[in-house]
Amino acid sequence: MRIAVCDDEKMERESLCQEIRRAWADAEIEEFESGVRIHEQIRKGAYYDIVFLDILLDDSNGIEISRKERAANKRRYNNWMFQKVMSGRQHSV
């Protein structure tokens, strides 16, 4: 299983990757600190079974990235997870 994790906060990104590895030890995880970077990779043809996106990124908005990708690749991407860290607690949507 290929999983992408995009969060501009390094500690949050690493924490989520640890949780994913606990749940899916054999998962291949690619980390991104930029919404622009993950968008570029997907446009180049990279495929992920699950994409975790921070809602508020320094350079973009995770929800907008998912909308653009779903519009461009209607059948390719359906498994988008959004996360927002508030007061030291992580919330997935």
Protein backbone atom coordinates (compact mmCIF):
# COMPACT_ATOMS: atom_id res chain seq x y z
CA MET A 1 0.00 0.00 0.00
CA ARG A 2 1.33 3.44 -0.94
CA ILE A 3 0.51 6.30 1.41
CA ALA A 4 1.31 10.00 1.10
CA VAL A 5 1.54 12.24 4.16
CA CYS A 6 1.61 15.98 3.64
CA ASP A 7 2.09 18.31 6.61
CA ASP A 8 4.27 21.39 6.87
CA GLU A 9 4.89 20.69 10.58
CA LYS A 10 7.75 18.16 10.76
CA MET A 11 6.82 16.75 14.19
CA GLU A 12 3.18 16.24 13.19
CA ARG A 13 4.19 14.60 9.91
CA GLU A 14 6.60 12.23 11.67
CA SER A 15 4.03 11.41 14.37
CA LEU A 16 1.41 10.51 11.78
CA CYS A 17 3.92 8.38 9.87
CA GLN A 18 4.68 6.45 13.07
CA GLU A 19 0.98 5.77 13.60
CA ILE A 20 0.60 4.61 10.02
CA ARG A 21 3.58 2.26 10.35
CA ARG A 22 2.00 0.74 13.47
CA ALA A 23 -1.23 0.12 11.61
CA TRP A 24 0.30 -0.95 8.26
CA ALA A 25 3.85 -2.17 8.79
CA ASP A 26 4.32 -2.96 5.10
CA ALA A 27 3.07 0.43 3.84
CA GLU A 28 5.31 2.52 1.63
CA ILE A 29 5.04 6.08 2.97
CA GLU A 30 6.12 9.18 1.10
CA GLU A 31 6.35 12.37 3.13
CA PHE A 32 5.73 15.89 1.85
CA GLU A 33 6.14 19.18 3.69
CA SER A 34 4.58 21.20 0.90
CA GLY A 35 1.17 21.09 -0.74
CA VAL A 36 2.76 22.29 -3.97
CA ARG A 37 5.20 19.37 -3.89
CA ILE A 38 2.57 16.64 -3.44
CA HIS A 39 0.44 18.26 -6.13
CA GLU A 40 3.45 18.17 -8.52
CA GLN A 41 4.15 14.50 -7.74
CA ILE A 42 0.55 13.48 -8.40
CA ARG A 43 0.53 15.46 -11.66
CA LYS A 44 3.69 13.59 -12.70
CA GLY A 45 1.82 10.31 -12.25
CA ALA A 46 2.57 9.28 -8.66
CA TYR A 47 -0.22 7.18 -7.20
CA TYR A 48 -1.13 6.72 -3.53
CA ASP A 49 -3.77 4.42 -2.08
CA ILE A 50 -4.35 6.88 0.77
CA VAL A 51 -3.41 10.57 1.00
CA PHE A 52 -3.22 12.34 4.37
CA LEU A 53 -3.25 16.13 3.99
CA ASP A 54 -2.97 18.86 6.57
CA ILE A 55 -5.83 21.28 6.06
CA LEU A 56 -3.74 24.41 6.60
CA LEU A 57 -0.38 24.30 4.86
CA ASP A 58 2.11 27.16 4.58
CA ASP A 59 1.85 27.23 0.80
CA SER A 60 -1.64 25.88 0.11
CA ASN A 61 -4.84 24.37 1.46
CA GLY A 62 -5.23 20.58 1.73
CA ILE A 63 -8.92 20.66 0.88
CA GLU A 64 -8.28 22.66 -2.30
CA ILE A 65 -5.51 20.27 -3.35
CA SER A 66 -7.87 17.30 -2.99
CA ARG A 67 -10.63 19.07 -4.95
CA LYS A 68 -8.26 19.80 -7.84
CA GLU A 69 -6.91 16.26 -7.93
CA ARG A 70 -10.33 14.63 -7.71
CA ALA A 71 -11.59 16.86 -10.52
CA ALA A 72 -8.59 16.00 -12.69
CA ASN A 73 -8.53 12.27 -11.79
CA LYS A 74 -12.17 11.39 -11.14
CA ARG A 75 -11.70 7.65 -10.62
CA ARG A 76 -8.14 7.64 -9.40
CA TYR A 77 -8.36 9.31 -5.99
CA ASN A 78 -11.10 8.68 -3.47
CA ASN A 79 -9.17 8.10 -0.23
CA TRP A 80 -8.30 11.54 1.09
CA MET A 81 -7.85 12.11 4.82
CA PHE A 82 -7.54 15.57 6.30
CA GLN A 83 -5.90 16.43 9.55
CA LYS A 84 -5.77 19.52 11.66
CA VAL A 85 -3.70 19.93 14.78
CA MET A 86 -5.37 22.06 17.43
CA SER A 87 -3.96 22.73 20.90
CA GLY A 88 -1.55 19.83 20.65
CA ARG A 89 -4.26 17.34 19.65
CA GLN A 90 -4.52 15.83 16.23
CA HIS A 91 -7.91 15.58 14.56
CA SER A 92 -8.56 13.59 11.39
CA VAL A 93 -11.56 14.26 9.22
